[in-house]
Amino acid sequence: GESLNWAYLSAPVNDHFVPGLRLLFWLMNRATGLNYDITIIARM
């Protein structure tokens, strides 16, 4: 339900400033969901 904007990307993650992590999880939320095999291929 989040829009891809700076407010979402810059929000703290356990007090960390990691917009790259938020961006990739936003993309996974839309593109892969609970498909774990795709994440394995991407990490490989």
PDB file of all heavy atoms in Angstrom:
ATOM      1  N   GLY A   1       0.781  -1.236   0.000  1.00  0.00           N
ATOM      2  CA  GLY A   1       0.000   0.000   0.000  1.00  0.00           C
ATOM      3  C   GLY A   1       0.811   1.283   0.000  1.00  0.00           C
ATOM      4  O   GLY A   1       0.236   2.372  -0.007  1.00  0.00           O
ATOM      5  N   GLU A   2       2.131   1.186  -0.008  1.00  0.00           N
ATOM      6  CA  GLU A   2       2.982   2.375   0.025  1.00  0.00           C
ATOM      7  C   GLU A   2       3.276   2.874  -1.388  1.00  0.00           C
ATOM      8  O   GLU A   2       3.494   2.084  -2.311  1.00  0.00           O
ATOM      9  CB  GLU A   2       4.305   2.072   0.736  1.00  0.00           C
ATOM     10  CG  GLU A   2       4.169   1.758   2.210  1.00  0.00           C
ATOM     11  CD  GLU A   2       3.874   2.999   3.037  1.00  0.00           C
ATOM     12  OE1 GLU A   2       4.006   4.122   2.517  1.00  0.00           O
ATOM     13  OE2 GLU A   2       3.526   2.841   4.227  1.00  0.00           O
ATOM     14  N   SER A   3       3.293   4.190  -1.534  1.00  0.00           N
ATOM     15  CA  SER A   3       3.720   4.786  -2.799  1.00  0.00           C
ATOM     16  C   SER A   3       5.239   4.853  -2.828  1.00  0.00           C
ATOM     17  O   SER A   3       5.886   4.997  -1.791  1.00  0.00           O
ATOM     18  CB  SER A   3       3.140   6.199  -2.943  1.00  0.00           C
ATOM     19  OG  SER A   3       1.729   6.173  -2.931  1.00  0.00           O
ATOM     20  N   LEU A   4       5.800   4.750  -4.028  1.00  0.00           N
ATOM     21  CA  LEU A   4       7.252   4.803  -4.158  1.00  0.00           C
ATOM     22  C   LEU A   4       7.682   6.270  -4.175  1.00  0.00           C
ATOM     23  O   LEU A   4       7.888   6.869  -5.225  1.00  0.00           O
ATOM     24  CB  LEU A   4       7.706   4.087  -5.422  1.00  0.00           C
ATOM     25  CG  LEU A   4       9.222   3.883  -5.561  1.00  0.00           C
ATOM     26  CD1 LEU A   4       9.762   3.083  -4.388  1.00  0.00           C
ATOM     27  CD2 LEU A   4       9.547   3.197  -6.873  1.00  0.00           C
ATOM     28  N   ASN A   5       7.809   6.847  -2.991  1.00  0.00           N
ATOM     29  CA  ASN A   5       8.240   8.247  -2.870  1.00  0.00           C
ATOM     30  C   ASN A   5       9.327   8.333  -1.807  1.00  0.00           C
ATOM     31  O   ASN A   5       9.657   7.362  -1.122  1.00  0.00           O
ATOM     32  CB  ASN A   5       7.051   9.143  -2.515  1.00  0.00           C
ATOM     33  CG  ASN A   5       6.275   8.629  -1.306  1.00  0.00           C
ATOM     34  OD1 ASN A   5       6.857   8.123  -0.348  1.00  0.00           O
ATOM     35  ND2 ASN A   5       4.957   8.753  -1.344  1.00  0.00           N
ATOM     36  N   TRP A   6       9.888   9.529  -1.662  1.00  0.00           N
ATOM     37  CA  TRP A   6      11.008   9.690  -0.747  1.00  0.00           C
ATOM     38  C   TRP A   6      10.581   9.493   0.708  1.00  0.00           C
ATOM     39  O   TRP A   6      11.371   9.012   1.521  1.00  0.00           O
ATOM     40  CB  TRP A   6      11.657  11.057  -0.922  1.00  0.00           C
ATOM     41  CG  TRP A   6      12.899  11.224  -0.102  1.00  0.00           C
ATOM     42  CD1 TRP A   6      13.112  12.092   0.909  1.00  0.00           C
ATOM     43  CD2 TRP A   6      14.108  10.462  -0.225  1.00  0.00           C
ATOM     44  NE1 TRP A   6      14.374  11.935   1.441  1.00  0.00           N
ATOM     45  CE2 TRP A   6      15.016  10.939   0.754  1.00  0.00           C
ATOM     46  CE3 TRP A   6      14.521   9.418  -1.055  1.00  0.00           C
ATOM     47  CZ2 TRP A   6      16.295  10.421   0.918  1.00  0.00           C
ATOM     48  CZ3 TRP A   6      15.811   8.900  -0.889  1.00  0.00           C
ATOM     49  CH2 TRP A   6      16.670   9.396   0.078  1.00  0.00           C
ATOM     50  N   ALA A   7       9.358   9.817   1.032  1.00  0.00           N
ATOM     51  CA  ALA A   7       8.883   9.617   2.408  1.00  0.00           C
ATOM     52  C   ALA A   7       8.960   8.142   2.789  1.00  0.00           C
ATOM     53  O   ALA A   7       9.360   7.796   3.911  1.00  0.00           O
ATOM     54  CB  ALA A   7       7.460  10.132   2.553  1.00  0.00           C
ATOM     55  N   TYR A   8       8.583   7.266   1.858  1.00  0.00           N
ATOM     56  CA  TYR A   8       8.679   5.830   2.125  1.00  0.00           C
ATOM     57  C   TYR A   8      10.130   5.365   2.107  1.00  0.00           C
ATOM     58  O   TYR A   8      10.577   4.638   3.008  1.00  0.00           O
ATOM     59  CB  TYR A   8       7.864   5.058   1.091  1.00  0.00           C
ATOM     60  CG  TYR A   8       8.207   3.589   1.038  1.00  0.00           C
ATOM     61  CD1 TYR A   8       7.789   2.724   2.049  1.00  0.00           C
ATOM     62  CD2 TYR A   8       8.975   3.070  -0.006  1.00  0.00           C
ATOM     63  CE1 TYR A   8       8.126   1.378   2.018  1.00  0.00           C
ATOM     64  CE2 TYR A   8       9.306   1.721  -0.047  1.00  0.00           C
ATOM     65  CZ  TYR A   8       8.881   0.884   0.964  1.00  0.00           C
ATOM     66  OH  TYR A   8       9.220  -0.446   0.933  1.00  0.00           O
ATOM     67  N   LEU A   9      10.895   5.765   1.094  1.00  0.00           N
ATOM     68  CA  LEU A   9      12.267   5.284   0.950  1.00  0.00           C
ATOM     69  C   LEU A   9      13.164   5.731   2.100  1.00  0.00           C
ATOM     70  O   LEU A   9      14.071   5.005   2.510  1.00  0.00           O
ATOM     71  CB  LEU A   9      12.854   5.770  -0.384  1.00  0.00           C
ATOM     72  CG  LEU A   9      12.230   5.186  -1.654  1.00  0.00           C
ATOM     73  CD1 LEU A   9      12.824   5.850  -2.881  1.00  0.00           C
ATOM     74  CD2 LEU A   9      12.431   3.675  -1.718  1.00  0.00           C
ATOM     75  N   SER A  10      12.915   6.927   2.631  1.00  0.00           N
ATOM     76  CA  SER A  10      13.800   7.470   3.663  1.00  0.00           C
ATOM     77  C   SER A  10      13.336   7.168   5.078  1.00  0.00           C
ATOM     78  O   SER A  10      14.004   7.537   6.047  1.00  0.00           O
ATOM     79  CB  SER A  10      13.929   8.989   3.496  1.00  0.00           C
ATOM     80  OG  SER A  10      12.666   9.618   3.674  1.00  0.00           O
ATOM     81  N   ALA A  11      12.205   6.514   5.228  1.00  0.00           N
ATOM     82  CA  ALA A  11      11.724   6.174   6.567  1.00  0.00           C
ATOM     83  C   ALA A  11      12.721   5.235   7.240  1.00  0.00           C
ATOM     84  O   ALA A  11      13.277   4.336   6.603  1.00  0.00           O
ATOM     85  CB  ALA A  11      10.353   5.519   6.488  1.00  0.00           C
ATOM     86  N   PRO A  12      12.995   5.408   8.541  1.00  0.00           N
ATOM     87  CA  PRO A  12      13.989   4.567   9.226  1.00  0.00           C
ATOM     88  C   PRO A  12      13.584   3.092   9.208  1.00  0.00           C
ATOM     89  O   PRO A  12      12.412   2.748   9.321  1.00  0.00           O
ATOM     90  CB  PRO A  12      13.995   5.118  10.658  1.00  0.00           C
ATOM     91  CG  PRO A  12      13.388   6.476  10.575  1.00  0.00           C
ATOM     92  CD  PRO A  12      12.417   6.435   9.435  1.00  0.00           C
ATOM     93  N   VAL A  13      14.565   2.228   9.069  1.00  0.00           N
ATOM     94  CA  VAL A  13      14.378   0.781   9.200  1.00  0.00           C
ATOM     95  C   VAL A  13      15.201   0.354  10.413  1.00  0.00           C
ATOM     96  O   VAL A  13      16.420   0.240  10.332  1.00  0.00           O
ATOM     97  CB  VAL A  13      14.849   0.031   7.938  1.00  0.00           C
ATOM     98  CG1 VAL A  13      14.714  -1.476   8.136  1.00  0.00           C
ATOM     99  CG2 VAL A  13      14.070   0.486   6.717  1.00  0.00           C
ATOM    100  N   ASN A  14      14.515   0.162  11.550  1.00  0.00           N
ATOM    101  CA  ASN A  14      15.231  -0.122  12.806  1.00  0.00           C
ATOM    102  C   ASN A  14      16.333   0.906  13.041  1.00  0.00           C
ATOM    103  O   ASN A  14      17.458   0.566  13.383  1.00  0.00           O
ATOM    104  CB  ASN A  14      15.818  -1.537  12.796  1.00  0.00           C
ATOM    105  CG  ASN A  14      14.748  -2.599  12.751  1.00  0.00           C
ATOM    106  OD1 ASN A  14      13.630  -2.386  13.210  1.00  0.00           O
ATOM    107  ND2 ASN A  14      15.074  -3.753  12.188  1.00  0.00           N
ATOM    108  N   ASP A  15      16.016   2.159  12.830  1.00  0.00           N
ATOM    109  CA  ASP A  15      16.854   3.353  12.991  1.00  0.00           C
ATOM    110  C   ASP A  15      17.966   3.462  11.949  1.00  0.00           C
ATOM    111  O   ASP A  15      18.856   4.292  12.054  1.00  0.00           O
ATOM    112  CB  ASP A  15      17.393   3.484  14.418  1.00  0.00           C
ATOM    113  CG  ASP A  15      18.716   2.816  14.701  1.00  0.00           C
ATOM    114  OD1 ASP A  15      19.120   1.901  13.960  1.00  0.00           O
ATOM    115  OD2 ASP A  15      19.351   3.199  15.705  1.00  0.00           O
ATOM    116  N   HIS A  16      17.909   2.644  10.870  1.00  0.00           N
ATOM    117  CA  HIS A  16      18.874   2.729   9.772  1.00  0.00           C
ATOM    118  C   HIS A  16      18.308   3.569   8.629  1.00  0.00           C
ATOM    119  O   HIS A  16      17.099   3.589   8.388  1.00  0.00           O
ATOM    120  CB  HIS A  16      19.209   1.334   9.248  1.00  0.00           C
ATOM    121  CG  HIS A  16      19.948   0.483  10.222  1.00  0.00           C
ATOM    122  ND1 HIS A  16      21.246   0.718  10.592  1.00  0.00           N
ATOM    123  CD2 HIS A  16      19.559  -0.626  10.913  1.00  0.00           C
ATOM    124  CE1 HIS A  16      21.636  -0.199  11.471  1.00  0.00           C
ATOM    125  NE2 HIS A  16      20.619  -1.022  11.686  1.00  0.00           N
ATOM    126  N   PHE A  17      19.199   4.221   7.891  1.00  0.00           N
ATOM    127  CA  PHE A  17      18.840   4.972   6.693  1.00  0.00           C
ATOM    128  C   PHE A  17      19.271   4.134   5.490  1.00  0.00           C
ATOM    129  O   PHE A  17      20.424   4.173   5.066  1.00  0.00           O
ATOM    130  CB  PHE A  17      19.547   6.326   6.699  1.00  0.00           C
ATOM    131  CG  PHE A  17      19.356   7.130   5.432  1.00  0.00           C
ATOM    132  CD1 PHE A  17      18.106   7.269   4.849  1.00  0.00           C
ATOM    133  CD2 PHE A  17      20.441   7.761   4.835  1.00  0.00           C
ATOM    134  CE1 PHE A  17      17.937   8.014   3.688  1.00  0.00           C
ATOM    135  CE2 PHE A  17      20.275   8.516   3.681  1.00  0.00           C
ATOM    136  CZ  PHE A  17      19.028   8.634   3.105  1.00  0.00           C
ATOM    137  N   VAL A  18      18.340   3.325   4.963  1.00  0.00           N
ATOM    138  CA  VAL A  18      18.667   2.364   3.905  1.00  0.00           C
ATOM    139  C   VAL A  18      17.600   2.419   2.808  1.00  0.00           C
ATOM    140  O   VAL A  18      16.818   1.477   2.635  1.00  0.00           O
ATOM    141  CB  VAL A  18      18.807   0.940   4.472  1.00  0.00           C
ATOM    142  CG1 VAL A  18      20.156   0.744   5.133  1.00  0.00           C
ATOM    143  CG2 VAL A  18      17.695   0.617   5.465  1.00  0.00           C
ATOM    144  N   PRO A  19      17.548   3.494   2.036  1.00  0.00           N
ATOM    145  CA  PRO A  19      16.534   3.583   0.967  1.00  0.00           C
ATOM    146  C   PRO A  19      16.687   2.501  -0.085  1.00  0.00           C
ATOM    147  O   PRO A  19      15.704   2.094  -0.711  1.00  0.00           O
ATOM    148  CB  PRO A  19      16.767   4.977   0.375  1.00  0.00           C
ATOM    149  CG  PRO A  19      18.152   5.362   0.791  1.00  0.00           C
ATOM    150  CD  PRO A  19      18.383   4.709   2.104  1.00  0.00           C
ATOM    151  N   GLY A  20      17.902   1.997  -0.294  1.00  0.00           N
ATOM    152  CA  GLY A  20      18.085   0.918  -1.268  1.00  0.00           C
ATOM    153  C   GLY A  20      17.349  -0.339  -0.847  1.00  0.00           C
ATOM    154  O   GLY A  20      16.710  -1.006  -1.670  1.00  0.00           O
ATOM    155  N   LEU A  21      17.420  -0.672   0.429  1.00  0.00           N
ATOM    156  CA  LEU A  21      16.700  -1.843   0.937  1.00  0.00           C
ATOM    157  C   LEU A  21      15.197  -1.658   0.777  1.00  0.00           C
ATOM    158  O   LEU A  21      14.490  -2.568   0.335  1.00  0.00           O
ATOM    159  CB  LEU A  21      17.059  -2.074   2.406  1.00  0.00           C
ATOM    160  CG  LEU A  21      16.344  -3.241   3.100  1.00  0.00           C
ATOM    161  CD1 LEU A  21      17.305  -4.001   4.004  1.00  0.00           C
ATOM    162  CD2 LEU A  21      15.170  -2.741   3.951  1.00  0.00           C
ATOM    163  N   ARG A  22      14.696  -0.490   1.133  1.00  0.00           N
ATOM    164  CA  ARG A  22      13.257  -0.242   0.993  1.00  0.00           C
ATOM    165  C   ARG A  22      12.826  -0.336  -0.471  1.00  0.00           C
ATOM    166  O   ARG A  22      11.751  -0.859  -0.779  1.00  0.00           O
ATOM    167  CB  ARG A  22      12.901   1.123   1.573  1.00  0.00           C
ATOM    168  CG  ARG A  22      12.835   1.133   3.102  1.00  0.00           C
ATOM    169  CD  ARG A  22      12.173   2.411   3.599  1.00  0.00           C
ATOM    170  NE  ARG A  22      11.878   2.350   5.010  1.00  0.00           N
ATOM    171  CZ  ARG A  22      10.769   1.852   5.524  1.00  0.00           C
ATOM    172  NH1 ARG A  22       9.853   1.340   4.715  1.00  0.00           N
ATOM    173  NH2 ARG A  22      10.558   1.838   6.819  1.00  0.00           N
ATOM    174  N   LEU A  23      13.652   0.161  -1.380  1.00  0.00           N
ATOM    175  CA  LEU A  23      13.308   0.104  -2.804  1.00  0.00           C
ATOM    176  C   LEU A  23      13.182  -1.339  -3.276  1.00  0.00           C
ATOM    177  O   LEU A  23      12.204  -1.703  -3.950  1.00  0.00           O
ATOM    178  CB  LEU A  23      14.374   0.833  -3.620  1.00  0.00           C
ATOM    179  CG  LEU A  23      14.259   0.701  -5.145  1.00  0.00           C
ATOM    180  CD1 LEU A  23      12.943   1.289  -5.633  1.00  0.00           C
ATOM    181  CD2 LEU A  23      15.446   1.358  -5.843  1.00  0.00           C
ATOM    182  N   LEU A  24      14.142  -2.180  -2.929  1.00  0.00           N
ATOM    183  CA  LEU A  24      14.093  -3.560  -3.403  1.00  0.00           C
ATOM    184  C   LEU A  24      12.934  -4.330  -2.790  1.00  0.00           C
ATOM    185  O   LEU A  24      12.291  -5.144  -3.472  1.00  0.00           O
ATOM    186  CB  LEU A  24      15.416  -4.260  -3.111  1.00  0.00           C
ATOM    187  CG  LEU A  24      16.607  -3.825  -3.976  1.00  0.00           C
ATOM    188  CD1 LEU A  24      17.770  -4.784  -3.802  1.00  0.00           C
ATOM    189  CD2 LEU A  24      16.237  -3.745  -5.456  1.00  0.00           C
ATOM    190  N   PHE A  25      12.633  -4.094  -1.517  1.00  0.00           N
ATOM    191  CA  PHE A  25      11.488  -4.789  -0.925  1.00  0.00           C
ATOM    192  C   PHE A  25      10.170  -4.270  -1.507  1.00  0.00           C
ATOM    193  O   PHE A  25       9.207  -5.031  -1.632  1.00  0.00           O
ATOM    194  CB  PHE A  25      11.504  -4.655   0.597  1.00  0.00           C
ATOM    195  CG  PHE A  25      12.293  -5.739   1.271  1.00  0.00           C
ATOM    196  CD1 PHE A  25      13.580  -5.504   1.718  1.00  0.00           C
ATOM    197  CD2 PHE A  25      11.755  -7.006   1.426  1.00  0.00           C
ATOM    198  CE1 PHE A  25      14.317  -6.508   2.319  1.00  0.00           C
ATOM    199  CE2 PHE A  25      12.479  -8.023   2.025  1.00  0.00           C
ATOM    200  CZ  PHE A  25      13.768  -7.775   2.473  1.00  0.00           C
ATOM    201  N   TRP A  26      10.119  -3.015  -1.878  1.00  0.00           N
ATOM    202  CA  TRP A  26       8.929  -2.473  -2.551  1.00  0.00           C
ATOM    203  C   TRP A  26       8.741  -3.179  -3.900  1.00  0.00           C
ATOM    204  O   TRP A  26       7.630  -3.574  -4.258  1.00  0.00           O
ATOM    205  CB  TRP A  26       9.077  -0.976  -2.737  1.00  0.00           C
ATOM    206  CG  TRP A  26       7.850  -0.275  -3.233  1.00  0.00           C
ATOM    207  CD1 TRP A  26       6.872   0.318  -2.491  1.00  0.00           C
ATOM    208  CD2 TRP A  26       7.466  -0.079  -4.615  1.00  0.00           C
ATOM    209  NE1 TRP A  26       5.905   0.860  -3.294  1.00  0.00           N
ATOM    210  CE2 TRP A  26       6.234   0.640  -4.605  1.00  0.00           C
ATOM    211  CE3 TRP A  26       8.026  -0.425  -5.824  1.00  0.00           C
ATOM    212  CZ2 TRP A  26       5.582   1.007  -5.777  1.00  0.00           C
ATOM    213  CZ3 TRP A  26       7.366  -0.070  -7.000  1.00  0.00           C
ATOM    214  CH2 TRP A  26       6.166   0.636  -6.952  1.00  0.00           C
ATOM    215  N   LEU A  27       9.837  -3.347  -4.642  1.00  0.00           N
ATOM    216  CA  LEU A  27       9.758  -4.019  -5.938  1.00  0.00           C
ATOM    217  C   LEU A  27       9.375  -5.491  -5.766  1.00  0.00           C
ATOM    218  O   LEU A  27       8.559  -6.017  -6.531  1.00  0.00           O
ATOM    219  CB  LEU A  27      11.102  -3.908  -6.667  1.00  0.00           C
ATOM    220  CG  LEU A  27      11.501  -2.486  -7.105  1.00  0.00           C
ATOM    221  CD1 LEU A  27      12.922  -2.481  -7.643  1.00  0.00           C
ATOM    222  CD2 LEU A  27      10.531  -1.946  -8.149  1.00  0.00           C
ATOM    223  N   MET A  28       9.932  -6.152  -4.768  1.00  0.00           N
ATOM    224  CA  MET A  28       9.573  -7.553  -4.527  1.00  0.00           C
ATOM    225  C   MET A  28       8.111  -7.677  -4.111  1.00  0.00           C
ATOM    226  O   MET A  28       7.431  -8.638  -4.490  1.00  0.00           O
ATOM    227  CB  MET A  28      10.489  -8.154  -3.456  1.00  0.00           C
ATOM    228  CG  MET A  28      11.890  -8.460  -3.947  1.00  0.00           C
ATOM    229  SD  MET A  28      12.878  -9.378  -2.734  1.00  0.00           S
ATOM    230  CE  MET A  28      13.293  -8.072  -1.572  1.00  0.00           C
ATOM    231  N   ASN A  29       7.628  -6.741  -3.325  1.00  0.00           N
ATOM    232  CA  ASN A  29       6.226  -6.759  -2.905  1.00  0.00           C
ATOM    233  C   ASN A  29       5.307  -6.750  -4.122  1.00  0.00           C
ATOM    234  O   ASN A  29       4.292  -7.462  -4.148  1.00  0.00           O
ATOM    235  CB  ASN A  29       5.954  -5.558  -2.003  1.00  0.00           C
ATOM    236  CG  ASN A  29       4.513  -5.466  -1.544  1.00  0.00           C
ATOM    237  OD1 ASN A  29       3.635  -5.071  -2.297  1.00  0.00           O
ATOM    238  ND2 ASN A  29       4.274  -5.830  -0.298  1.00  0.00           N
ATOM    239  N   ARG A  30       5.669  -5.960  -5.139  1.00  0.00           N
ATOM    240  CA  ARG A  30       4.815  -5.859  -6.337  1.00  0.00           C
ATOM    241  C   ARG A  30       5.073  -6.989  -7.331  1.00  0.00           C
ATOM    242  O   ARG A  30       4.142  -7.467  -7.989  1.00  0.00           O
ATOM    243  CB  ARG A  30       5.079  -4.525  -7.050  1.00  0.00           C
ATOM    244  CG  ARG A  30       4.190  -3.379  -6.626  1.00  0.00           C
ATOM    245  CD  ARG A  30       4.398  -2.998  -5.194  1.00  0.00           C
ATOM    246  NE  ARG A  30       3.597  -1.840  -4.784  1.00  0.00           N
ATOM    247  CZ  ARG A  30       3.583  -1.373  -3.559  1.00  0.00           C
ATOM    248  NH1 ARG A  30       4.304  -1.959  -2.606  1.00  0.00           N
ATOM    249  NH2 ARG A  30       2.849  -0.325  -3.244  1.00  0.00           N
ATOM    250  N   ALA A  31       6.338  -7.431  -7.454  1.00  0.00           N
ATOM    251  CA  ALA A  31       6.686  -8.327  -8.551  1.00  0.00           C
ATOM    252  C   ALA A  31       6.733  -9.799  -8.172  1.00  0.00           C
ATOM    253  O   ALA A  31       6.333 -10.662  -8.965  1.00  0.00           O
ATOM    254  CB  ALA A  31       8.042  -7.912  -9.139  1.00  0.00           C
ATOM    255  N   THR A  32       7.215 -10.113  -6.978  1.00  0.00           N
ATOM    256  CA  THR A  32       7.440 -11.525  -6.647  1.00  0.00           C
ATOM    257  C   THR A  32       6.597 -12.006  -5.478  1.00  0.00           C
ATOM    258  O   THR A  32       6.333 -13.209  -5.377  1.00  0.00           O
ATOM    259  CB  THR A  32       8.925 -11.774  -6.323  1.00  0.00           C
ATOM    260  OG1 THR A  32       9.296 -11.015  -5.159  1.00  0.00           O
ATOM    261  CG2 THR A  32       9.808 -11.361  -7.481  1.00  0.00           C
ATOM    262  N   GLY A  33       6.189 -11.127  -4.579  1.00  0.00           N
ATOM    263  CA  GLY A  33       5.370 -11.531  -3.442  1.00  0.00           C
ATOM    264  C   GLY A  33       6.050 -12.607  -2.617  1.00  0.00           C
ATOM    265  O   GLY A  33       7.196 -12.456  -2.187  1.00  0.00           O
ATOM    266  N   LEU A  34       5.367 -13.730  -2.428  1.00  0.00           N
ATOM    267  CA  LEU A  34       5.888 -14.822  -1.611  1.00  0.00           C
ATOM    268  C   LEU A  34       6.594 -15.897  -2.441  1.00  0.00           C
ATOM    269  O   LEU A  34       6.772 -17.024  -1.977  1.00  0.00           O
ATOM    270  CB  LEU A  34       4.751 -15.457  -0.808  1.00  0.00           C
ATOM    271  CG  LEU A  34       4.105 -14.551   0.245  1.00  0.00           C
ATOM    272  CD1 LEU A  34       2.960 -15.270   0.940  1.00  0.00           C
ATOM    273  CD2 LEU A  34       5.143 -14.095   1.272  1.00  0.00           C
ATOM    274  N   ASN A  35       7.015 -15.538  -3.650  1.00  0.00           N
ATOM    275  CA  ASN A  35       7.768 -16.482  -4.487  1.00  0.00           C
ATOM    276  C   ASN A  35       9.236 -16.453  -4.057  1.00  0.00           C
ATOM    277  O   ASN A  35      10.018 -15.614  -4.493  1.00  0.00           O
ATOM    278  CB  ASN A  35       7.628 -16.108  -5.961  1.00  0.00           C
ATOM    279  CG  ASN A  35       8.219 -17.170  -6.873  1.00  0.00           C
ATOM    280  OD1 ASN A  35       9.160 -17.868  -6.516  1.00  0.00           O
ATOM    281  ND2 ASN A  35       7.665 -17.286  -8.065  1.00  0.00           N
ATOM    282  N   TYR A  36       9.604 -17.388  -3.217  1.00  0.00           N
ATOM    283  CA  TYR A  36      10.955 -17.397  -2.646  1.00  0.00           C
ATOM    284  C   TYR A  36      11.998 -17.821  -3.673  1.00  0.00           C
ATOM    285  O   TYR A  36      13.151 -17.360  -3.629  1.00  0.00           O
ATOM    286  CB  TYR A  36      10.985 -18.340  -1.448  1.00  0.00           C
ATOM    287  CG  TYR A  36      12.286 -18.343  -0.684  1.00  0.00           C
ATOM    288  CD1 TYR A  36      12.663 -17.245   0.085  1.00  0.00           C
ATOM    289  CD2 TYR A  36      13.135 -19.446  -0.719  1.00  0.00           C
ATOM    290  CE1 TYR A  36      13.845 -17.247   0.789  1.00  0.00           C
ATOM    291  CE2 TYR A  36      14.325 -19.456  -0.010  1.00  0.00           C
ATOM    292  CZ  TYR A  36      14.677 -18.344   0.746  1.00  0.00           C
ATOM    293  OH  TYR A  36      15.860 -18.343   1.447  1.00  0.00           O
ATOM    294  N   ASP A  37      11.623 -18.682  -4.617  1.00  0.00           N
ATOM    295  CA  ASP A  37      12.595 -19.167  -5.598  1.00  0.00           C
ATOM    296  C   ASP A  37      13.162 -18.032  -6.436  1.00  0.00           C
ATOM    297  O   ASP A  37      14.352 -18.054  -6.802  1.00  0.00           O
ATOM    298  CB  ASP A  37      11.944 -20.212  -6.509  1.00  0.00           C
ATOM    299  CG  ASP A  37      11.593 -21.489  -5.759  1.00  0.00           C
ATOM    300  OD1 ASP A  37      12.168 -21.712  -4.675  1.00  0.00           O
ATOM    301  OD2 ASP A  37      10.727 -22.246  -6.241  1.00  0.00           O
ATOM    302  N   ILE A  38      12.329 -17.036  -6.736  1.00  0.00           N
ATOM    303  CA  ILE A  38      12.823 -15.895  -7.516  1.00  0.00           C
ATOM    304  C   ILE A  38      13.910 -15.155  -6.744  1.00  0.00           C
ATOM    305  O   ILE A  38      14.903 -14.700  -7.324  1.00  0.00           O
ATOM    306  CB  ILE A  38      11.660 -14.931  -7.849  1.00  0.00           C
ATOM    307  CG1 ILE A  38      10.656 -15.627  -8.780  1.00  0.00           C
ATOM    308  CG2 ILE A  38      12.190 -13.657  -8.502  1.00  0.00           C
ATOM    309  CD1 ILE A  38      11.208 -15.971 -10.138  1.00  0.00           C
ATOM    310  N   THR A  39      13.753 -15.033  -5.436  1.00  0.00           N
ATOM    311  CA  THR A  39      14.785 -14.337  -4.647  1.00  0.00           C
ATOM    312  C   THR A  39      16.090 -15.119  -4.650  1.00  0.00           C
ATOM    313  O   THR A  39      17.170 -14.519  -4.611  1.00  0.00           O
ATOM    314  CB  THR A  39      14.318 -14.112  -3.197  1.00  0.00           C
ATOM    315  OG1 THR A  39      14.352 -15.338  -2.453  1.00  0.00           O
ATOM    316  CG2 THR A  39      12.920 -13.534  -3.148  1.00  0.00           C
ATOM    317  N   ILE A  40      16.021 -16.444  -4.698  1.00  0.00           N
ATOM    318  CA  ILE A  40      17.251 -17.243  -4.766  1.00  0.00           C
ATOM    319  C   ILE A  40      17.982 -16.967  -6.075  1.00  0.00           C
ATOM    320  O   ILE A  40      19.199 -16.749  -6.097  1.00  0.00           O
ATOM    321  CB  ILE A  40      16.929 -18.739  -4.630  1.00  0.00           C
ATOM    322  CG1 ILE A  40      16.358 -19.042  -3.244  1.00  0.00           C
ATOM    323  CG2 ILE A  40      18.183 -19.577  -4.882  1.00  0.00           C
ATOM    324  CD1 ILE A  40      15.956 -20.491  -3.054  1.00  0.00           C
ATOM    325  N   ILE A  41      17.239 -16.971  -7.174  1.00  0.00           N
ATOM    326  CA  ILE A  41      17.848 -16.720  -8.481  1.00  0.00           C
ATOM    327  C   ILE A  41      18.472 -15.336  -8.528  1.00  0.00           C
ATOM    328  O   ILE A  41      19.594 -15.139  -9.028  1.00  0.00           O
ATOM    329  CB  ILE A  41      16.799 -16.891  -9.588  1.00  0.00           C
ATOM    330  CG1 ILE A  41      16.332 -18.348  -9.649  1.00  0.00           C
ATOM    331  CG2 ILE A  41      17.348 -16.451 -10.936  1.00  0.00           C
ATOM    332  CD1 ILE A  41      15.153 -18.587 -10.560  1.00  0.00           C
ATOM    333  N   ALA A  42      17.764 -14.349  -7.972  1.00  0.00           N
ATOM    334  CA  ALA A  42      18.288 -12.981  -7.966  1.00  0.00           C
ATOM    335  C   ALA A  42      19.573 -12.888  -7.144  1.00  0.00           C
ATOM    336  O   ALA A  42      20.545 -12.236  -7.549  1.00  0.00           O
ATOM    337  CB  ALA A  42      17.238 -12.016  -7.414  1.00  0.00           C
ATOM    338  N   ARG A  43      19.597 -13.554  -5.998  1.00  0.00           N
ATOM    339  CA  ARG A  43      20.804 -13.517  -5.166  1.00  0.00           C
ATOM    340  C   ARG A  43      21.954 -14.263  -5.830  1.00  0.00           C
ATOM    341  O   ARG A  43      23.120 -13.857  -5.726  1.00  0.00           O
ATOM    342  CB  ARG A  43      20.496 -14.102  -3.786  1.00  0.00           C
ATOM    343  CG  ARG A  43      19.744 -13.128  -2.886  1.00  0.00           C
ATOM    344  CD  ARG A  43      19.371 -13.769  -1.568  1.00  0.00           C
ATOM    345  NE  ARG A  43      18.209 -14.647  -1.679  1.00  0.00           N
ATOM    346  CZ  ARG A  43      17.835 -15.508  -0.746  1.00  0.00           C
ATOM    347  NH1 ARG A  43      18.549 -15.644   0.361  1.00  0.00           N
ATOM    348  NH2 ARG A  43      16.748 -16.241  -0.910  1.00  0.00           N
ATOM    349  N   MET A  44      21.652 -15.365  -6.506  1.00  0.00           N
ATOM    350  CA  MET A  44      22.698 -16.067  -7.252  1.00  0.00           C
ATOM    351  C   MET A  44      23.313 -15.149  -8.303  1.00  0.00           C
ATOM    352  O   MET A  44      24.543 -15.124  -8.474  1.00  0.00           O
ATOM    353  CB  MET A  44      22.100 -17.310  -7.918  1.00  0.00           C
ATOM    354  CG  MET A  44      21.734 -18.422  -6.952  1.00  0.00           C
ATOM    355  SD  MET A  44      20.702 -19.722  -7.708  1.00  0.00           S
ATOM    356  CE  MET A  44      21.749 -20.295  -9.040  1.00  0.00           C
TER     357      MET A  44
END
